[in-house]
């Protein structure tokens, strides 16, 4: 295919996919260097799959034309509340639908797992990410993590409000 990239989102299961997700998270930590959150991202990368294992967690990898392009994790905050963590898209893959595809997959699976709500925190300066989250039905909420050390904006999505989008959203990659 000339000019059209193939985007695929998979749940991380294979060792090669786990290593690709680890490398993306390490890149994420490097990009955050200078903020207090970079050490936590790096520590998370070293402990993968860590809190992102099924039954209540997930780790996703996006591949663009076969190359690792982005990753995101889901882990439980409570019985019916999940949290999005470690969303990262490689610079060369940005503005190509990778983050949206990762989040659409995560939200559909969070609903299937049984979560009612999904929360996340993102740096105040990440305005493009905030616009994406808002377009996916997330609303800004007060902080839910007291130990936050950086300027973070918090969001929450009520998955019941998105039900109609689960049937119509394109599902890239393999079925869970």
C-alpha atoms as a PDB file:
ATOM      1  CA  UNK A   1       0.000   0.000   0.000  1.00  0.00           C
ATOM      2  CA  UNK A   2       1.477   3.325  -0.998  1.00  0.00           C
ATOM      3  CA  UNK A   3       0.635   6.285   1.199  1.00  0.00           C
ATOM      4  CA  UNK A   4      -1.680   4.400   3.564  1.00  0.00           C
ATOM      5  CA  UNK A   5      -0.297   3.041   6.798  1.00  0.00           C
ATOM      6  CA  UNK A   6      -1.610  -0.078   8.503  1.00  0.00           C
ATOM      7  CA  UNK A   7      -2.494   0.556  12.148  1.00  0.00           C
ATOM      8  CA  UNK A   8      -3.035  -2.397  14.465  1.00  0.00           C
ATOM      9  CA  UNK A   9      -3.713  -2.390  18.215  1.00  0.00           C
ATOM     10  CA  UNK A  10      -3.087  -5.596  20.154  1.00  0.00           C
ATOM     11  CA  UNK A  11      -3.270  -6.630  23.763  1.00  0.00           C
ATOM     12  CA  UNK A  12       0.306  -7.306  24.865  1.00  0.00           C
ATOM     13  CA  UNK A  13       0.832 -11.028  25.373  1.00  0.00           C
ATOM     14  CA  UNK A  14       3.866 -12.027  23.306  1.00  0.00           C
ATOM     15  CA  UNK A  15       7.352 -11.400  24.768  1.00  0.00           C
ATOM     16  CA  UNK A  16       8.305  -9.279  21.741  1.00  0.00           C
ATOM     17  CA  UNK A  17       5.249  -7.061  22.262  1.00  0.00           C
ATOM     18  CA  UNK A  18       6.047  -6.740  25.972  1.00  0.00           C
ATOM     19  CA  UNK A  19       9.583  -5.634  25.135  1.00  0.00           C
ATOM     20  CA  UNK A  20       8.281  -3.157  22.536  1.00  0.00           C
ATOM     21  CA  UNK A  21       5.898  -1.682  25.135  1.00  0.00           C
ATOM     22  CA  UNK A  22       8.767  -1.484  27.644  1.00  0.00           C
ATOM     23  CA  UNK A  23      10.931   0.424  25.144  1.00  0.00           C
ATOM     24  CA  UNK A  24       8.082   2.832  24.396  1.00  0.00           C
ATOM     25  CA  UNK A  25       7.582   3.473  28.131  1.00  0.00           C
ATOM     26  CA  UNK A  26      11.301   4.082  28.516  1.00  0.00           C
ATOM     27  CA  UNK A  27      11.057   6.627  25.684  1.00  0.00           C
ATOM     28  CA  UNK A  28       8.097   8.162  27.514  1.00  0.00           C
ATOM     29  CA  UNK A  29      10.212   8.458  30.679  1.00  0.00           C
ATOM     30  CA  UNK A  30      13.033  10.067  28.697  1.00  0.00           C
ATOM     31  CA  UNK A  31      10.589  12.563  27.174  1.00  0.00           C
ATOM     32  CA  UNK A  32       9.404  13.461  30.688  1.00  0.00           C
ATOM     33  CA  UNK A  33      12.949  13.991  31.973  1.00  0.00           C
ATOM     34  CA  UNK A  34      12.994  17.008  34.204  1.00  0.00           C
ATOM     35  CA  UNK A  35       9.568  16.300  35.700  1.00  0.00           C
ATOM     36  CA  UNK A  36       9.036  14.353  38.887  1.00  0.00           C
ATOM     37  CA  UNK A  37       6.882  11.819  37.002  1.00  0.00           C
ATOM     38  CA  UNK A  38       9.708  10.456  34.837  1.00  0.00           C
ATOM     39  CA  UNK A  39      11.062   8.164  37.564  1.00  0.00           C
ATOM     40  CA  UNK A  40       7.631   6.573  38.101  1.00  0.00           C
ATOM     41  CA  UNK A  41       7.235   5.908  34.361  1.00  0.00           C
ATOM     42  CA  UNK A  42      10.693   4.329  34.184  1.00  0.00           C
ATOM     43  CA  UNK A  43      10.005   2.176  37.253  1.00  0.00           C
ATOM     44  CA  UNK A  44       6.718   1.051  35.686  1.00  0.00           C
ATOM     45  CA  UNK A  45       8.535   0.108  32.476  1.00  0.00           C
ATOM     46  CA  UNK A  46      10.990  -2.046  34.409  1.00  0.00           C
ATOM     47  CA  UNK A  47       8.155  -3.921  36.195  1.00  0.00           C
ATOM     48  CA  UNK A  48       6.026  -4.723  33.121  1.00  0.00           C
ATOM     49  CA  UNK A  49       3.495  -6.205  32.867  1.00  0.00           C
ATOM     50  CA  UNK A  50       3.048  -5.104  36.491  1.00  0.00           C
ATOM     51  CA  UNK A  51      -0.468  -3.890  37.306  1.00  0.00           C
ATOM     52  CA  UNK A  52      -1.630  -4.166  33.685  1.00  0.00           C
ATOM     53  CA  UNK A  53      -2.285  -7.913  33.685  1.00  0.00           C
ATOM     54  CA  UNK A  54      -5.714  -9.404  33.055  1.00  0.00           C
ATOM     55  CA  UNK A  55      -8.306 -10.024  34.512  1.00  0.00           C
ATOM     56  CA  UNK A  56      -8.832  -6.367  35.473  1.00  0.00           C
ATOM     57  CA  UNK A  57      -5.819  -4.844  33.737  1.00  0.00           C
ATOM     58  CA  UNK A  58      -4.605  -4.607  30.171  1.00  0.00           C
ATOM     59  CA  UNK A  59      -1.546  -3.411  28.279  1.00  0.00           C
ATOM     60  CA  UNK A  60      -1.909  -2.431  24.631  1.00  0.00           C
ATOM     61  CA  UNK A  61       0.593  -1.906  21.854  1.00  0.00           C
ATOM     62  CA  UNK A  62      -0.089  -0.070  18.614  1.00  0.00           C
ATOM     63  CA  UNK A  63       1.891  -1.010  15.534  1.00  0.00           C
ATOM     64  CA  UNK A  64       2.015   1.253  12.510  1.00  0.00           C
ATOM     65  CA  UNK A  65       3.182  -0.646   9.427  1.00  0.00           C
ATOM     66  CA  UNK A  66       4.512  -3.298  11.807  1.00  0.00           C
ATOM     67  CA  UNK A  67       6.651  -0.919  13.892  1.00  0.00           C
ATOM     68  CA  UNK A  68       5.860  -0.256  17.547  1.00  0.00           C
ATOM     69  CA  UNK A  69       4.158   3.146  17.574  1.00  0.00           C
ATOM     70  CA  UNK A  70       2.427   3.561  20.929  1.00  0.00           C
ATOM     71  CA  UNK A  71       1.261   1.941  24.137  1.00  0.00           C
ATOM     72  CA  UNK A  72      -1.223   2.410  26.949  1.00  0.00           C
ATOM     73  CA  UNK A  73      -2.149   0.529  30.114  1.00  0.00           C
ATOM     74  CA  UNK A  74      -5.327  -0.025  32.108  1.00  0.00           C
ATOM     75  CA  UNK A  75      -5.365  -1.068  35.758  1.00  0.00           C
ATOM     76  CA  UNK A  76      -7.995  -1.156  38.497  1.00  0.00           C
ATOM     77  CA  UNK A  77      -8.521   1.737  40.897  1.00  0.00           C
ATOM     78  CA  UNK A  78     -11.531   0.047  42.486  1.00  0.00           C
ATOM     79  CA  UNK A  79     -14.099  -2.655  41.703  1.00  0.00           C
ATOM     80  CA  UNK A  80     -15.812  -0.626  38.959  1.00  0.00           C
ATOM     81  CA  UNK A  81     -13.185   2.043  38.213  1.00  0.00           C
ATOM     82  CA  UNK A  82     -10.172   1.629  35.952  1.00  0.00           C
ATOM     83  CA  UNK A  83      -7.273   3.983  35.360  1.00  0.00           C
ATOM     84  CA  UNK A  84      -5.477   4.765  32.118  1.00  0.00           C
ATOM     85  CA  UNK A  85      -1.708   4.901  32.551  1.00  0.00           C
ATOM     86  CA  UNK A  86       1.391   5.318  30.413  1.00  0.00           C
ATOM     87  CA  UNK A  87      -0.244   6.536  27.199  1.00  0.00           C
ATOM     88  CA  UNK A  88       2.621   7.237  24.849  1.00  0.00           C
ATOM     89  CA  UNK A  89       2.944   7.589  21.092  1.00  0.00           C
ATOM     90  CA  UNK A  90       6.364   7.709  19.454  1.00  0.00           C
ATOM     91  CA  UNK A  91       7.043  11.134  17.904  1.00  0.00           C
ATOM     92  CA  UNK A  92       7.218   9.740  14.339  1.00  0.00           C
ATOM     93  CA  UNK A  93       3.751   8.177  14.744  1.00  0.00           C
ATOM     94  CA  UNK A  94       1.937  11.202  16.170  1.00  0.00           C
ATOM     95  CA  UNK A  95      -1.022  12.821  14.377  1.00  0.00           C
ATOM     96  CA  UNK A  96      -1.757   9.486  12.630  1.00  0.00           C
ATOM     97  CA  UNK A  97      -4.614   8.171  14.805  1.00  0.00           C
ATOM     98  CA  UNK A  98      -2.478   5.971  17.053  1.00  0.00           C
ATOM     99  CA  UNK A  99      -3.558   7.499  20.382  1.00  0.00           C
ATOM    100  CA  UNK A 100      -7.234   7.455  19.383  1.00  0.00           C
ATOM    101  CA  UNK A 101      -7.013   3.804  18.296  1.00  0.00           C
ATOM    102  CA  UNK A 102      -5.314   2.844  21.573  1.00  0.00           C
ATOM    103  CA  UNK A 103      -7.925   4.665  23.646  1.00  0.00           C
ATOM    104  CA  UNK A 104     -10.886   3.310  21.665  1.00  0.00           C
ATOM    105  CA  UNK A 105      -9.623  -0.228  22.241  1.00  0.00           C
ATOM    106  CA  UNK A 106      -8.953   0.426  25.924  1.00  0.00           C
ATOM    107  CA  UNK A 107     -12.396   1.960  26.509  1.00  0.00           C
ATOM    108  CA  UNK A 108     -14.224  -0.848  24.704  1.00  0.00           C
ATOM    109  CA  UNK A 109     -12.322  -3.466  26.690  1.00  0.00           C
ATOM    110  CA  UNK A 110     -12.796  -1.569  29.982  1.00  0.00           C
ATOM    111  CA  UNK A 111     -16.535  -1.692  29.355  1.00  0.00           C
ATOM    112  CA  UNK A 112     -16.366  -5.426  28.531  1.00  0.00           C
ATOM    113  CA  UNK A 113     -14.327  -6.097  31.703  1.00  0.00           C
ATOM    114  CA  UNK A 114     -17.078  -4.482  33.759  1.00  0.00           C
ATOM    115  CA  UNK A 115     -15.718  -1.062  34.605  1.00  0.00           C
ATOM    116  CA  UNK A 116     -18.323   1.714  34.939  1.00  0.00           C
ATOM    117  CA  UNK A 117     -15.787   4.545  34.837  1.00  0.00           C
ATOM    118  CA  UNK A 118     -12.251   5.127  33.628  1.00  0.00           C
ATOM    119  CA  UNK A 119     -10.019   7.844  35.050  1.00  0.00           C
ATOM    120  CA  UNK A 120      -6.714   9.353  34.045  1.00  0.00           C
ATOM    121  CA  UNK A 121      -4.325  12.161  34.794  1.00  0.00           C
ATOM    122  CA  UNK A 122      -2.306  14.008  32.187  1.00  0.00           C
ATOM    123  CA  UNK A 123       0.217  16.798  32.407  1.00  0.00           C
ATOM    124  CA  UNK A 124      -1.254  20.271  32.171  1.00  0.00           C
ATOM    125  CA  UNK A 125       0.966  21.044  29.154  1.00  0.00           C
ATOM    126  CA  UNK A 126      -0.334  18.076  27.116  1.00  0.00           C
ATOM    127  CA  UNK A 127      -3.165  19.975  25.462  1.00  0.00           C
ATOM    128  CA  UNK A 128      -3.434  17.667  22.425  1.00  0.00           C
ATOM    129  CA  UNK A 129      -3.942  14.673  24.732  1.00  0.00           C
ATOM    130  CA  UNK A 130      -6.559  16.585  26.697  1.00  0.00           C
ATOM    131  CA  UNK A 131      -8.425  17.403  23.476  1.00  0.00           C
ATOM    132  CA  UNK A 132      -8.386  13.709  22.516  1.00  0.00           C
ATOM    133  CA  UNK A 133      -9.710  12.647  25.919  1.00  0.00           C
ATOM    134  CA  UNK A 134     -12.503  15.220  25.754  1.00  0.00           C
ATOM    135  CA  UNK A 135     -13.447  14.030  22.257  1.00  0.00           C
ATOM    136  CA  UNK A 136     -13.741  10.483  23.654  1.00  0.00           C
ATOM    137  CA  UNK A 137     -16.204  11.556  26.357  1.00  0.00           C
ATOM    138  CA  UNK A 138     -13.864  12.309  29.257  1.00  0.00           C
ATOM    139  CA  UNK A 139     -14.751  15.200  31.549  1.00  0.00           C
ATOM    140  CA  UNK A 140     -12.358  17.097  33.796  1.00  0.00           C
ATOM    141  CA  UNK A 141     -12.679  16.152  37.475  1.00  0.00           C
ATOM    142  CA  UNK A 142     -10.998  17.173  40.761  1.00  0.00           C
ATOM    143  CA  UNK A 143      -7.758  15.345  41.607  1.00  0.00           C
ATOM    144  CA  UNK A 144      -8.247  11.767  42.793  1.00  0.00           C
ATOM    145  CA  UNK A 145      -4.590  11.090  43.612  1.00  0.00           C
ATOM    146  CA  UNK A 146      -3.387  13.043  46.647  1.00  0.00           C
ATOM    147  CA  UNK A 147       0.286  12.214  46.061  1.00  0.00           C
ATOM    148  CA  UNK A 148       0.503  13.966  42.669  1.00  0.00           C
ATOM    149  CA  UNK A 149       3.819  15.815  42.374  1.00  0.00           C
ATOM    150  CA  UNK A 150       3.381  17.492  38.991  1.00  0.00           C
ATOM    151  CA  UNK A 151       0.860  19.809  37.348  1.00  0.00           C
ATOM    152  CA  UNK A 152      -1.773  17.247  36.395  1.00  0.00           C
ATOM    153  CA  UNK A 153      -5.260  17.587  34.948  1.00  0.00           C
ATOM    154  CA  UNK A 154      -7.611  14.747  35.886  1.00  0.00           C
ATOM    155  CA  UNK A 155     -10.357  13.257  33.722  1.00  0.00           C
ATOM    156  CA  UNK A 156     -13.077  10.647  34.005  1.00  0.00           C
ATOM    157  CA  UNK A 157     -15.233   8.870  31.435  1.00  0.00           C
ATOM    158  CA  UNK A 158     -18.544   7.237  32.346  1.00  0.00           C
ATOM    159  CA  UNK A 159     -18.547   4.217  30.062  1.00  0.00           C
ATOM    160  CA  UNK A 160     -22.354   3.940  29.990  1.00  0.00           C
ATOM    161  CA  UNK A 161     -22.386   7.306  28.204  1.00  0.00           C
ATOM    162  CA  UNK A 162     -20.278   5.774  25.407  1.00  0.00           C
ATOM    163  CA  UNK A 163     -22.321   2.588  24.794  1.00  0.00           C
ATOM    164  CA  UNK A 164     -23.442   3.594  21.319  1.00  0.00           C
ATOM    165  CA  UNK A 165     -19.829   4.114  20.271  1.00  0.00           C
ATOM    166  CA  UNK A 166     -18.797   0.539  21.186  1.00  0.00           C
ATOM    167  CA  UNK A 167     -20.835  -0.966  18.384  1.00  0.00           C
ATOM    168  CA  UNK A 168     -19.822   1.631  15.812  1.00  0.00           C
ATOM    169  CA  UNK A 169     -16.155   2.178  16.652  1.00  0.00           C
ATOM    170  CA  UNK A 170     -13.658   0.568  14.317  1.00  0.00           C
ATOM    171  CA  UNK A 171     -11.752  -2.138  16.160  1.00  0.00           C
ATOM    172  CA  UNK A 172      -8.161  -2.378  15.007  1.00  0.00           C
ATOM    173  CA  UNK A 173      -6.172  -5.440  15.822  1.00  0.00           C
ATOM    174  CA  UNK A 174      -7.193  -8.696  17.316  1.00  0.00           C
ATOM    175  CA  UNK A 175     -10.249  -9.414  19.381  1.00  0.00           C
ATOM    176  CA  UNK A 176      -9.567  -9.603  23.130  1.00  0.00           C
END
